[in-house]
Amino acid sequence: PFYHPWRAVMDDYFEYETEKVKGGIRTRTRPEHITEELYNLVGLDISSYYSKVKCPTLIVRATKGMLRDDDILLPKTVLKRMVSDIEEAWVVDLRGAHHYSVVFGENRVRDRALAGFLQS
């Protein structure tokens, strides 16, 4: 349900992220890497690095969670701190986008924001 509508780019992503095994396919991601990523998302505070970012920065933010409405990868509280601490930070919220569709979905708002940021 995270990949609707399916687009050709998803074939490449799927091929990269999976491997054939006897009886089917599985993710290439090792369980210990998933555990490490979960720890880093919850247990690691990277906010001290925000002020060290000295280049223009575009923050593209999905406003929808993956599994629940409040399951947002970049909550507003964190975003506020990033914008406050990063000298040249611009934000574009992609309404209705989630963790995967913000990258793989068609989105004119995202595309215009990226083009404008790169041209500036």
PDB file of N, CA and C in Angstrom:
ATOM      1  N   PRO A   1       0.800  -1.223   0.000  1.00  0.00           N
ATOM      2  CA  PRO A   1       0.000   0.000   0.000  1.00  0.00           C
ATOM      3  C   PRO A   1       0.840   1.283   0.000  1.00  0.00           C
ATOM      4  N   PHE A   2       2.146   1.168   0.274  1.00  0.00           N
ATOM      5  CA  PHE A   2       3.000   2.355   0.313  1.00  0.00           C
ATOM      6  C   PHE A   2       3.423   2.793  -1.079  1.00  0.00           C
ATOM      7  N   TYR A   3       3.239   1.956  -2.060  1.00  0.00           N
ATOM      8  CA  TYR A   3       3.785   2.221  -3.383  1.00  0.00           C
ATOM      9  C   TYR A   3       2.717   2.415  -4.451  1.00  0.00           C
ATOM     10  N   HIS A   4       1.648   3.064  -4.122  1.00  0.00           N
ATOM     11  CA  HIS A   4       0.596   3.306  -5.121  1.00  0.00           C
ATOM     12  C   HIS A   4       0.614   4.752  -5.524  1.00  0.00           C
ATOM     13  N   PRO A   5       0.576   5.053  -6.799  1.00  0.00           N
ATOM     14  CA  PRO A   5       0.612   4.082  -7.893  1.00  0.00           C
ATOM     15  C   PRO A   5       2.039   3.587  -8.133  1.00  0.00           C
ATOM     16  N   TRP A   6       2.138   2.360  -8.629  1.00  0.00           N
ATOM     17  CA  TRP A   6       3.442   1.790  -8.955  1.00  0.00           C
ATOM     18  C   TRP A   6       4.004   2.522 -10.161  1.00  0.00           C
ATOM     19  N   ARG A   7       5.265   2.862 -10.102  1.00  0.00           N
ATOM     20  CA  ARG A   7       5.934   3.544 -11.209  1.00  0.00           C
ATOM     21  C   ARG A   7       7.172   2.754 -11.602  1.00  0.00           C
ATOM     22  N   ALA A   8       7.673   2.991 -12.791  1.00  0.00           N
ATOM     23  CA  ALA A   8       8.826   2.244 -13.308  1.00  0.00           C
ATOM     24  C   ALA A   8      10.036   2.346 -12.376  1.00  0.00           C
ATOM     25  N   VAL A   9      10.241   3.495 -11.741  1.00  0.00           N
ATOM     26  CA  VAL A   9      11.383   3.657 -10.844  1.00  0.00           C
ATOM     27  C   VAL A   9      11.335   2.649  -9.692  1.00  0.00           C
ATOM     28  N   MET A  10      10.151   2.199  -9.355  1.00  0.00           N
ATOM     29  CA  MET A  10      10.010   1.232  -8.277  1.00  0.00           C
ATOM     30  C   MET A  10      10.584  -0.132  -8.667  1.00  0.00           C
ATOM     31  N   ASP A  11      10.555  -0.458  -9.963  1.00  0.00           N
ATOM     32  CA  ASP A  11      11.166  -1.715 -10.398  1.00  0.00           C
ATOM     33  C   ASP A  11      12.652  -1.722 -10.052  1.00  0.00           C
ATOM     34  N   ASP A  12      13.336  -0.606 -10.329  1.00  0.00           N
ATOM     35  CA  ASP A  12      14.764  -0.498 -10.015  1.00  0.00           C
ATOM     36  C   ASP A  12      14.997  -0.579  -8.509  1.00  0.00           C
ATOM     37  N   TYR A  13      14.175   0.122  -7.749  1.00  0.00           N
ATOM     38  CA  TYR A  13      14.296   0.114  -6.291  1.00  0.00           C
ATOM     39  C   TYR A  13      14.088  -1.303  -5.746  1.00  0.00           C
ATOM     40  N   PHE A  14      13.037  -1.951  -6.212  1.00  0.00           N
ATOM     41  CA  PHE A  14      12.721  -3.302  -5.768  1.00  0.00           C
ATOM     42  C   PHE A  14      13.871  -4.248  -6.093  1.00  0.00           C
ATOM     43  N   GLU A  15      14.415  -4.148  -7.306  1.00  0.00           N
ATOM     44  CA  GLU A  15      15.526  -5.005  -7.721  1.00  0.00           C
ATOM     45  C   GLU A  15      16.755  -4.779  -6.835  1.00  0.00           C
ATOM     46  N   TYR A  16      17.021  -3.529  -6.477  1.00  0.00           N
ATOM     47  CA  TYR A  16      18.175  -3.181  -5.648  1.00  0.00           C
ATOM     48  C   TYR A  16      17.997  -3.670  -4.205  1.00  0.00           C
ATOM     49  N   GLU A  17      16.796  -3.559  -3.682  1.00  0.00           N
ATOM     50  CA  GLU A  17      16.544  -3.830  -2.266  1.00  0.00           C
ATOM     51  C   GLU A  17      16.265  -5.292  -1.941  1.00  0.00           C
ATOM     52  N   THR A  18      16.098  -6.144  -2.945  1.00  0.00           N
ATOM     53  CA  THR A  18      15.743  -7.537  -2.676  1.00  0.00           C
ATOM     54  C   THR A  18      16.739  -8.482  -3.317  1.00  0.00           C
ATOM     55  N   GLU A  19      16.702  -9.723  -2.851  1.00  0.00           N
ATOM     56  CA  GLU A  19      17.534 -10.755  -3.450  1.00  0.00           C
ATOM     57  C   GLU A  19      16.723 -12.039  -3.544  1.00  0.00           C
ATOM     58  N   LYS A  20      17.014 -12.822  -4.558  1.00  0.00           N
ATOM     59  CA  LYS A  20      16.328 -14.093  -4.738  1.00  0.00           C
ATOM     60  C   LYS A  20      16.941 -15.120  -3.797  1.00  0.00           C
ATOM     61  N   VAL A  21      16.086 -15.861  -3.151  1.00  0.00           N
ATOM     62  CA  VAL A  21      16.505 -16.960  -2.281  1.00  0.00           C
ATOM     63  C   VAL A  21      15.651 -18.174  -2.632  1.00  0.00           C
ATOM     64  N   LYS A  22      16.064 -19.313  -2.166  1.00  0.00           N
ATOM     65  CA  LYS A  22      15.277 -20.516  -2.425  1.00  0.00           C
ATOM     66  C   LYS A  22      13.853 -20.311  -1.902  1.00  0.00           C
ATOM     67  N   GLY A  23      12.902 -20.453  -2.763  1.00  0.00           N
ATOM     68  CA  GLY A  23      11.504 -20.317  -2.358  1.00  0.00           C
ATOM     69  C   GLY A  23      10.941 -18.910  -2.474  1.00  0.00           C
ATOM     70  N   GLY A  24      11.741 -17.941  -2.953  1.00  0.00           N
ATOM     71  CA  GLY A  24      11.174 -16.602  -3.092  1.00  0.00           C
ATOM     72  C   GLY A  24      12.205 -15.493  -3.109  1.00  0.00           C
ATOM     73  N   ILE A  25      11.872 -14.402  -2.466  1.00  0.00           N
ATOM     74  CA  ILE A  25      12.757 -13.251  -2.378  1.00  0.00           C
ATOM     75  C   ILE A  25      12.754 -12.737  -0.945  1.00  0.00           C
ATOM     76  N   ARG A  26      13.760 -11.944  -0.625  1.00  0.00           N
ATOM     77  CA  ARG A  26      13.811 -11.299   0.691  1.00  0.00           C
ATOM     78  C   ARG A  26      14.561  -9.987   0.545  1.00  0.00           C
ATOM     79  N   THR A  27      14.441  -9.171   1.554  1.00  0.00           N
ATOM     80  CA  THR A  27      15.161  -7.904   1.566  1.00  0.00           C
ATOM     81  C   THR A  27      16.659  -8.160   1.722  1.00  0.00           C
ATOM     82  N   ARG A  28      17.448  -7.279   1.137  1.00  0.00           N
ATOM     83  CA  ARG A  28      18.905  -7.373   1.304  1.00  0.00           C
ATOM     84  C   ARG A  28      19.341  -6.785   2.652  1.00  0.00           C
ATOM     85  N   THR A  29      18.465  -6.035   3.273  1.00  0.00           N
ATOM     86  CA  THR A  29      18.794  -5.388   4.536  1.00  0.00           C
ATOM     87  C   THR A  29      18.901  -6.440   5.637  1.00  0.00           C
ATOM     88  N   ARG A  30      20.014  -6.423   6.310  1.00  0.00           N
ATOM     89  CA  ARG A  30      20.249  -7.403   7.376  1.00  0.00           C
ATOM     90  C   ARG A  30      19.508  -6.961   8.645  1.00  0.00           C
ATOM     91  N   PRO A  31      18.968  -7.907   9.395  1.00  0.00           N
ATOM     92  CA  PRO A  31      18.220  -7.568  10.614  1.00  0.00           C
ATOM     93  C   PRO A  31      19.009  -6.697  11.595  1.00  0.00           C
ATOM     94  N   GLU A  32      20.305  -6.935  11.733  1.00  0.00           N
ATOM     95  CA  GLU A  32      21.090  -6.128  12.673  1.00  0.00           C
ATOM     96  C   GLU A  32      21.206  -4.680  12.196  1.00  0.00           C
ATOM     97  N   HIS A  33      21.149  -4.456  10.895  1.00  0.00           N
ATOM     98  CA  HIS A  33      21.180  -3.079  10.386  1.00  0.00           C
ATOM     99  C   HIS A  33      19.861  -2.368  10.662  1.00  0.00           C
ATOM    100  N   ILE A  34      18.768  -3.092  10.584  1.00  0.00           N
ATOM    101  CA  ILE A  34      17.466  -2.518  10.929  1.00  0.00           C
ATOM    102  C   ILE A  34      17.448  -2.137  12.403  1.00  0.00           C
ATOM    103  N   THR A  35      17.955  -3.020  13.258  1.00  0.00           N
ATOM    104  CA  THR A  35      18.026  -2.743  14.693  1.00  0.00           C
ATOM    105  C   THR A  35      18.887  -1.511  14.962  1.00  0.00           C
ATOM    106  N   GLU A  36      20.027  -1.415  14.295  1.00  0.00           N
ATOM    107  CA  GLU A  36      20.908  -0.261  14.462  1.00  0.00           C
ATOM    108  C   GLU A  36      20.209   1.025  14.019  1.00  0.00           C
ATOM    109  N   GLU A  37      19.513   0.984  12.897  1.00  0.00           N
ATOM    110  CA  GLU A  37      18.807   2.167  12.398  1.00  0.00           C
ATOM    111  C   GLU A  37      17.703   2.597  13.368  1.00  0.00           C
ATOM    112  N   LEU A  38      16.974   1.640  13.908  1.00  0.00           N
ATOM    113  CA  LEU A  38      15.939   1.975  14.895  1.00  0.00           C
ATOM    114  C   LEU A  38      16.550   2.647  16.115  1.00  0.00           C
ATOM    115  N   TYR A  39      17.672   2.122  16.574  1.00  0.00           N
ATOM    116  CA  TYR A  39      18.360   2.739  17.709  1.00  0.00           C
ATOM    117  C   TYR A  39      18.766   4.169  17.363  1.00  0.00           C
ATOM    118  N   ASN A  40      19.351   4.351  16.190  1.00  0.00           N
ATOM    119  CA  ASN A  40      19.810   5.681  15.790  1.00  0.00           C
ATOM    120  C   ASN A  40      18.657   6.674  15.654  1.00  0.00           C
ATOM    121  N   LEU A  41      17.532   6.219  15.158  1.00  0.00           N
ATOM    122  CA  LEU A  41      16.378   7.110  15.011  1.00  0.00           C
ATOM    123  C   LEU A  41      15.827   7.555  16.360  1.00  0.00           C
ATOM    124  N   VAL A  42      15.854   6.650  17.314  1.00  0.00           N
ATOM    125  CA  VAL A  42      15.252   6.928  18.623  1.00  0.00           C
ATOM    126  C   VAL A  42      16.285   7.372  19.650  1.00  0.00           C
ATOM    127  N   GLY A  43      17.460   6.766  19.628  1.00  0.00           N
ATOM    128  CA  GLY A  43      18.397   6.964  20.718  1.00  0.00           C
ATOM    129  C   GLY A  43      19.528   7.938  20.471  1.00  0.00           C
ATOM    130  N   LEU A  44      19.639   8.463  19.276  1.00  0.00           N
ATOM    131  CA  LEU A  44      20.758   9.324  18.953  1.00  0.00           C
ATOM    132  C   LEU A  44      20.273  10.742  18.700  1.00  0.00           C
ATOM    133  N   ASP A  45      20.844  11.693  19.396  1.00  0.00           N
ATOM    134  CA  ASP A  45      20.468  13.101  19.226  1.00  0.00           C
ATOM    135  C   ASP A  45      21.513  13.778  18.339  1.00  0.00           C
ATOM    136  N   ILE A  46      21.122  14.095  17.114  1.00  0.00           N
ATOM    137  CA  ILE A  46      22.058  14.721  16.174  1.00  0.00           C
ATOM    138  C   ILE A  46      21.882  16.236  16.099  1.00  0.00           C
ATOM    139  N   SER A  47      21.040  16.766  16.953  1.00  0.00           N
ATOM    140  CA  SER A  47      20.732  18.201  16.876  1.00  0.00           C
ATOM    141  C   SER A  47      21.959  19.092  17.073  1.00  0.00           C
ATOM    142  N   SER A  48      22.977  18.600  17.744  1.00  0.00           N
ATOM    143  CA  SER A  48      24.182  19.418  17.934  1.00  0.00           C
ATOM    144  C   SER A  48      24.926  19.649  16.609  1.00  0.00           C
ATOM    145  N   TYR A  49      24.617  18.874  15.601  1.00  0.00           N
ATOM    146  CA  TYR A  49      25.262  19.027  14.297  1.00  0.00           C
ATOM    147  C   TYR A  49      24.578  20.077  13.413  1.00  0.00           C
ATOM    148  N   TYR A  50      23.337  20.434  13.704  1.00  0.00           N
ATOM    149  CA  TYR A  50      22.597  21.361  12.841  1.00  0.00           C
ATOM    150  C   TYR A  50      23.362  22.662  12.628  1.00  0.00           C
ATOM    151  N   SER A  51      23.889  23.239  13.676  1.00  0.00           N
ATOM    152  CA  SER A  51      24.566  24.532  13.554  1.00  0.00           C
ATOM    153  C   SER A  51      25.882  24.424  12.787  1.00  0.00           C
ATOM    154  N   LYS A  52      26.364  23.232  12.585  1.00  0.00           N
ATOM    155  CA  LYS A  52      27.600  23.027  11.830  1.00  0.00           C
ATOM    156  C   LYS A  52      27.358  23.032  10.314  1.00  0.00           C
ATOM    157  N   VAL A  53      26.103  22.968   9.908  1.00  0.00           N
ATOM    158  CA  VAL A  53      25.774  22.993   8.484  1.00  0.00           C
ATOM    159  C   VAL A  53      25.906  24.432   8.002  1.00  0.00           C
ATOM    160  N   LYS A  54      26.840  24.664   7.100  1.00  0.00           N
ATOM    161  CA  LYS A  54      27.155  26.032   6.659  1.00  0.00           C
ATOM    162  C   LYS A  54      26.788  26.285   5.199  1.00  0.00           C
ATOM    163  N   CYS A  55      26.095  25.391   4.569  1.00  0.00           N
ATOM    164  CA  CYS A  55      25.695  25.592   3.172  1.00  0.00           C
ATOM    165  C   CYS A  55      24.170  25.705   3.096  1.00  0.00           C
ATOM    166  N   PRO A  56      23.665  26.307   2.038  1.00  0.00           N
ATOM    167  CA  PRO A  56      22.217  26.351   1.864  1.00  0.00           C
ATOM    168  C   PRO A  56      21.647  24.930   1.902  1.00  0.00           C
ATOM    169  N   THR A  57      20.528  24.779   2.583  1.00  0.00           N
ATOM    170  CA  THR A  57      19.949  23.462   2.811  1.00  0.00           C
ATOM    171  C   THR A  57      18.452  23.489   2.530  1.00  0.00           C
ATOM    172  N   LEU A  58      18.007  22.565   1.715  1.00  0.00           N
ATOM    173  CA  LEU A  58      16.578  22.401   1.459  1.00  0.00           C
ATOM    174  C   LEU A  58      16.111  21.180   2.227  1.00  0.00           C
ATOM    175  N   ILE A  59      15.139  21.376   3.088  1.00  0.00           N
ATOM    176  CA  ILE A  59      14.565  20.282   3.865  1.00  0.00           C
ATOM    177  C   ILE A  59      13.228  19.943   3.228  1.00  0.00           C
ATOM    178  N   VAL A  60      13.143  18.757   2.645  1.00  0.00           N
ATOM    179  CA  VAL A  60      11.913  18.279   2.017  1.00  0.00           C
ATOM    180  C   VAL A  60      11.260  17.335   3.016  1.00  0.00           C
ATOM    181  N   ARG A  61      10.064  17.703   3.463  1.00  0.00           N
ATOM    182  CA  ARG A  61       9.432  16.991   4.580  1.00  0.00           C
ATOM    183  C   ARG A  61       8.097  16.376   4.181  1.00  0.00           C
ATOM    184  N   ALA A  62       7.974  15.083   4.408  1.00  0.00           N
ATOM    185  CA  ALA A  62       6.696  14.396   4.222  1.00  0.00           C
ATOM    186  C   ALA A  62       5.821  14.687   5.435  1.00  0.00           C
ATOM    187  N   THR A  63       4.564  14.984   5.206  1.00  0.00           N
ATOM    188  CA  THR A  63       3.666  15.337   6.315  1.00  0.00           C
ATOM    189  C   THR A  63       2.794  14.174   6.772  1.00  0.00           C
ATOM    190  N   LYS A  64       2.914  13.040   6.117  1.00  0.00           N
ATOM    191  CA  LYS A  64       2.086  11.883   6.437  1.00  0.00           C
ATOM    192  C   LYS A  64       2.972  10.762   6.965  1.00  0.00           C
ATOM    193  N   GLY A  65       2.479  10.037   7.943  1.00  0.00           N
ATOM    194  CA  GLY A  65       3.212   8.897   8.457  1.00  0.00           C
ATOM    195  C   GLY A  65       3.068   7.689   7.556  1.00  0.00           C
ATOM    196  N   MET A  66       3.917   6.711   7.778  1.00  0.00           N
ATOM    197  CA  MET A  66       3.856   5.478   6.985  1.00  0.00           C
ATOM    198  C   MET A  66       2.715   4.579   7.433  1.00  0.00           C
ATOM    199  N   LEU A  67       2.663   4.322   8.731  1.00  0.00           N
ATOM    200  CA  LEU A  67       1.675   3.388   9.253  1.00  0.00           C
ATOM    201  C   LEU A  67       0.528   4.077   9.983  1.00  0.00           C
ATOM    202  N   ARG A  68       0.804   5.247  10.529  1.00  0.00           N
ATOM    203  CA  ARG A  68      -0.209   6.031  11.246  1.00  0.00           C
ATOM    204  C   ARG A  68       0.005   7.499  10.889  1.00  0.00           C
ATOM    205  N   ASP A  69      -0.984   8.321  11.139  1.00  0.00           N
ATOM    206  CA  ASP A  69      -0.860   9.752  10.849  1.00  0.00           C
ATOM    207  C   ASP A  69       0.265  10.405  11.634  1.00  0.00           C
ATOM    208  N   ASP A  70       0.516   9.927  12.861  1.00  0.00           N
ATOM    209  CA  ASP A  70       1.539  10.547  13.709  1.00  0.00           C
ATOM    210  C   ASP A  70       2.912   9.884  13.576  1.00  0.00           C
ATOM    211  N   ASP A  71       3.053   8.975  12.651  1.00  0.00           N
ATOM    212  CA  ASP A  71       4.298   8.247  12.413  1.00  0.00           C
ATOM    213  C   ASP A  71       5.152   9.021  11.392  1.00  0.00           C
ATOM    214  N   ILE A  72       5.491  10.253  11.735  1.00  0.00           N
ATOM    215  CA  ILE A  72       6.182  11.142  10.809  1.00  0.00           C
ATOM    216  C   ILE A  72       7.676  11.089  11.067  1.00  0.00           C
ATOM    217  N   LEU A  73       8.442  10.927  10.007  1.00  0.00           N
ATOM    218  CA  LEU A  73       9.887  10.785  10.123  1.00  0.00           C
ATOM    219  C   LEU A  73      10.556  12.062  10.636  1.00  0.00           C
ATOM    220  N   LEU A  74      10.037  13.226  10.236  1.00  0.00           N
ATOM    221  CA  LEU A  74      10.599  14.503  10.665  1.00  0.00           C
ATOM    222  C   LEU A  74       9.494  15.338  11.322  1.00  0.00           C
ATOM    223  N   PRO A  75       9.297  15.162  12.640  1.00  0.00           N
ATOM    224  CA  PRO A  75       8.241  15.892  13.345  1.00  0.00           C
ATOM    225  C   PRO A  75       8.481  17.404  13.333  1.00  0.00           C
ATOM    226  N   LYS A  76       7.420  18.168  13.519  1.00  0.00           N
ATOM    227  CA  LYS A  76       7.514  19.634  13.499  1.00  0.00           C
ATOM    228  C   LYS A  76       8.482  20.173  14.546  1.00  0.00           C
ATOM    229  N   THR A  77       8.561  19.541  15.698  1.00  0.00           N
ATOM    230  CA  THR A  77       9.476  20.022  16.743  1.00  0.00           C
ATOM    231  C   THR A  77      10.926  19.934  16.291  1.00  0.00           C
ATOM    232  N   VAL A  78      11.269  18.853  15.614  1.00  0.00           N
ATOM    233  CA  VAL A  78      12.628  18.677  15.106  1.00  0.00           C
ATOM    234  C   VAL A  78      12.879  19.653  13.956  1.00  0.00           C
ATOM    235  N   LEU A  79      11.900  19.780  13.080  1.00  0.00           N
ATOM    236  CA  LEU A  79      12.016  20.708  11.956  1.00  0.00           C
ATOM    237  C   LEU A  79      12.266  22.131  12.447  1.00  0.00           C
ATOM    238  N   LYS A  80      11.540  22.543  13.461  1.00  0.00           N
ATOM    239  CA  LYS A  80      11.695  23.898  14.009  1.00  0.00           C
ATOM    240  C   LYS A  80      13.128  24.121  14.496  1.00  0.00           C
ATOM    241  N   ARG A  81      13.687  23.138  15.161  1.00  0.00           N
ATOM    242  CA  ARG A  81      15.063  23.237  15.652  1.00  0.00           C
ATOM    243  C   ARG A  81      16.058  23.298  14.498  1.00  0.00           C
ATOM    244  N   MET A  82      15.836  22.490  13.478  1.00  0.00           N
ATOM    245  CA  MET A  82      16.719  22.490  12.307  1.00  0.00           C
ATOM    246  C   MET A  82      16.729  23.861  11.636  1.00  0.00           C
ATOM    247  N   VAL A  83      15.555  24.405  11.417  1.00  0.00           N
ATOM    248  CA  VAL A  83      15.444  25.703  10.745  1.00  0.00           C
ATOM    249  C   VAL A  83      16.079  26.798  11.592  1.00  0.00           C
ATOM    250  N   SER A  84      15.945  26.685  12.881  1.00  0.00           N
ATOM    251  CA  SER A  84      16.538  27.664  13.789  1.00  0.00           C
ATOM    252  C   SER A  84      18.061  27.600  13.785  1.00  0.00           C
ATOM    253  N   ASP A  85      18.608  26.400  13.710  1.00  0.00           N
ATOM    254  CA  ASP A  85      20.052  26.211  13.849  1.00  0.00           C
ATOM    255  C   ASP A  85      20.836  26.202  12.539  1.00  0.00           C
ATOM    256  N   ILE A  86      20.181  25.860  11.439  1.00  0.00           N
ATOM    257  CA  ILE A  86      20.862  25.851  10.141  1.00  0.00           C
ATOM    258  C   ILE A  86      20.681  27.228   9.520  1.00  0.00           C
ATOM    259  N   GLU A  87      21.800  27.906   9.259  1.00  0.00           N
ATOM    260  CA  GLU A  87      21.756  29.308   8.827  1.00  0.00           C
ATOM    261  C   GLU A  87      20.902  29.544   7.593  1.00  0.00           C
ATOM    262  N   GLU A  88      21.052  28.743   6.576  1.00  0.00           N
ATOM    263  CA  GLU A  88      20.316  28.937   5.333  1.00  0.00           C
ATOM    264  C   GLU A  88      19.459  27.718   5.036  1.00  0.00           C
ATOM    265  N   ALA A  89      18.411  27.551   5.819  1.00  0.00           N
ATOM    266  CA  ALA A  89      17.529  26.396   5.643  1.00  0.00           C
ATOM    267  C   ALA A  89      16.197  26.842   5.057  1.00  0.00           C
ATOM    268  N   TRP A  90      15.777  26.138   4.029  1.00  0.00           N
ATOM    269  CA  TRP A  90      14.452  26.326   3.456  1.00  0.00           C
ATOM    270  C   TRP A  90      13.692  25.025   3.632  1.00  0.00           C
ATOM    271  N   VAL A  91      12.388  25.141   3.777  1.00  0.00           N
ATOM    272  CA  VAL A  91      11.554  23.969   4.022  1.00  0.00           C
ATOM    273  C   VAL A  91      10.441  23.909   2.999  1.00  0.00           C
ATOM    274  N   VAL A  92      10.190  22.731   2.511  1.00  0.00           N
ATOM    275  CA  VAL A  92       8.989  22.477   1.720  1.00  0.00           C
ATOM    276  C   VAL A  92       8.301  21.259   2.335  1.00  0.00           C
ATOM    277  N   ASP A  93       7.053  21.461   2.745  1.00  0.00           N
ATOM    278  CA  ASP A  93       6.237  20.369   3.259  1.00  0.00           C
ATOM    279  C   ASP A  93       5.471  19.752   2.096  1.00  0.00           C
ATOM    280  N   LEU A  94       5.544  18.457   1.969  1.00  0.00           N
ATOM    281  CA  LEU A  94       4.808  17.758   0.922  1.00  0.00           C
ATOM    282  C   LEU A  94       3.574  17.118   1.539  1.00  0.00           C
ATOM    283  N   ARG A  95       2.483  17.832   1.468  1.00  0.00           N
ATOM    284  CA  ARG A  95       1.225  17.378   2.064  1.00  0.00           C
ATOM    285  C   ARG A  95       0.774  16.060   1.430  1.00  0.00           C
ATOM    286  N   GLY A  96       0.456  15.104   2.277  1.00  0.00           N
ATOM    287  CA  GLY A  96      -0.019  13.808   1.811  1.00  0.00           C
ATOM    288  C   GLY A  96       1.081  12.835   1.425  1.00  0.00           C
ATOM    289  N   ALA A  97       2.318  13.287   1.444  1.00  0.00           N
ATOM    290  CA  ALA A  97       3.439  12.393   1.115  1.00  0.00           C
ATOM    291  C   ALA A  97       3.936  11.707   2.380  1.00  0.00           C
ATOM    292  N   HIS A  98       4.422  10.484   2.225  1.00  0.00           N
ATOM    293  CA  HIS A  98       5.027   9.758   3.341  1.00  0.00           C
ATOM    294  C   HIS A  98       6.475   9.437   2.989  1.00  0.00           C
ATOM    295  N   HIS A  99       7.142   8.704   3.846  1.00  0.00           N
ATOM    296  CA  HIS A  99       8.575   8.412   3.753  1.00  0.00           C
ATOM    297  C   HIS A  99       9.012   7.945   2.356  1.00  0.00           C
ATOM    298  N   TYR A 100       8.209   7.125   1.709  1.00  0.00           N
ATOM    299  CA  TYR A 100       8.587   6.631   0.387  1.00  0.00           C
ATOM    300  C   TYR A 100       8.063   7.516  -0.740  1.00  0.00           C
ATOM    301  N   SER A 101       6.832   7.975  -0.644  1.00  0.00           N
ATOM    302  CA  SER A 101       6.287   8.762  -1.751  1.00  0.00           C
ATOM    303  C   SER A 101       6.972  10.117  -1.889  1.00  0.00           C
ATOM    304  N   VAL A 102       7.595  10.615  -0.816  1.00  0.00           N
ATOM    305  CA  VAL A 102       8.329  11.874  -0.914  1.00  0.00           C
ATOM    306  C   VAL A 102       9.497  11.727  -1.891  1.00  0.00           C
ATOM    307  N   VAL A 103      10.015  10.534  -2.046  1.00  0.00           N
ATOM    308  CA  VAL A 103      11.123  10.270  -2.966  1.00  0.00           C
ATOM    309  C   VAL A 103      10.621   9.682  -4.282  1.00  0.00           C
ATOM    310  N   PHE A 104       9.770   8.673  -4.208  1.00  0.00           N
ATOM    311  CA  PHE A 104       9.401   7.913  -5.393  1.00  0.00           C
ATOM    312  C   PHE A 104       8.119   8.374  -6.078  1.00  0.00           C
ATOM    313  N   GLY A 105       7.289   9.119  -5.387  1.00  0.00           N
ATOM    314  CA  GLY A 105       6.038   9.553  -5.983  1.00  0.00           C
ATOM    315  C   GLY A 105       6.218  10.754  -6.894  1.00  0.00           C
ATOM    316  N   GLU A 106       5.270  10.940  -7.785  1.00  0.00           N
ATOM    317  CA  GLU A 106       5.279  12.150  -8.599  1.00  0.00           C
ATOM    318  C   GLU A 106       4.804  13.289  -7.711  1.00  0.00           C
ATOM    319  N   ASN A 107       5.522  14.403  -7.721  1.00  0.00           N
ATOM    320  CA  ASN A 107       5.144  15.517  -6.867  1.00  0.00           C
ATOM    321  C   ASN A 107       5.675  16.822  -7.464  1.00  0.00           C
ATOM    322  N   ARG A 108       4.790  17.605  -8.016  1.00  0.00           N
ATOM    323  CA  ARG A 108       5.188  18.862  -8.662  1.00  0.00           C
ATOM    324  C   ARG A 108       5.713  19.877  -7.654  1.00  0.00           C
ATOM    325  N   VAL A 109       5.162  19.884  -6.452  1.00  0.00           N
ATOM    326  CA  VAL A 109       5.628  20.818  -5.419  1.00  0.00           C
ATOM    327  C   VAL A 109       7.086  20.515  -5.093  1.00  0.00           C
ATOM    328  N   ARG A 110       7.396  19.254  -4.892  1.00  0.00           N
ATOM    329  CA  ARG A 110       8.774  18.842  -4.611  1.00  0.00           C
ATOM    330  C   ARG A 110       9.693  19.213  -5.770  1.00  0.00           C
ATOM    331  N   ASP A 111       9.258  18.909  -6.984  1.00  0.00           N
ATOM    332  CA  ASP A 111      10.094  19.151  -8.157  1.00  0.00           C
ATOM    333  C   ASP A 111      10.362  20.644  -8.351  1.00  0.00           C
ATOM    334  N   ARG A 112       9.351  21.481  -8.158  1.00  0.00           N
ATOM    335  CA  ARG A 112       9.543  22.940  -8.268  1.00  0.00           C
ATOM    336  C   ARG A 112      10.463  23.449  -7.168  1.00  0.00           C
ATOM    337  N   ALA A 113      10.297  22.930  -5.956  1.00  0.00           N
ATOM    338  CA  ALA A 113      11.143  23.354  -4.843  1.00  0.00           C
ATOM    339  C   ALA A 113      12.601  22.975  -5.103  1.00  0.00           C
ATOM    340  N   LEU A 114      12.837  21.768  -5.569  1.00  0.00           N
ATOM    341  CA  LEU A 114      14.205  21.333  -5.862  1.00  0.00           C
ATOM    342  C   LEU A 114      14.827  22.178  -6.985  1.00  0.00           C
ATOM    343  N   ALA A 115      14.058  22.394  -8.044  1.00  0.00           N
ATOM    344  CA  ALA A 115      14.571  23.195  -9.157  1.00  0.00           C
ATOM    345  C   ALA A 115      14.881  24.616  -8.695  1.00  0.00           C
ATOM    346  N   GLY A 116      13.991  25.226  -7.930  1.00  0.00           N
ATOM    347  CA  GLY A 116      14.220  26.573  -7.419  1.00  0.00           C
ATOM    348  C   GLY A 116      15.418  26.646  -6.504  1.00  0.00           C
ATOM    349  N   PHE A 117      15.565  25.660  -5.654  1.00  0.00           N
ATOM    350  CA  PHE A 117      16.698  25.628  -4.722  1.00  0.00           C
ATOM    351  C   PHE A 117      18.003  25.494  -5.490  1.00  0.00           C
ATOM    352  N   LEU A 118      18.052  24.621  -6.471  1.00  0.00           N
ATOM    353  CA  LEU A 118      19.282  24.411  -7.237  1.00  0.00           C
ATOM    354  C   LEU A 118      19.625  25.616  -8.104  1.00  0.00           C
ATOM    355  N   GLN A 119      18.628  26.365  -8.526  1.00  0.00           N
ATOM    356  CA  GLN A 119      18.879  27.551  -9.342  1.00  0.00           C
ATOM    357  C   GLN A 119      19.315  28.753  -8.508  1.00  0.00           C
ATOM    358  N   SER A 120      18.992  28.746  -7.238  1.00  0.00           N
ATOM    359  CA  SER A 120      19.305  29.919  -6.394  1.00  0.00           C
ATOM    360  C   SER A 120      20.758  29.965  -5.966  1.00  0.00           C
TER     361      SER A 120
END
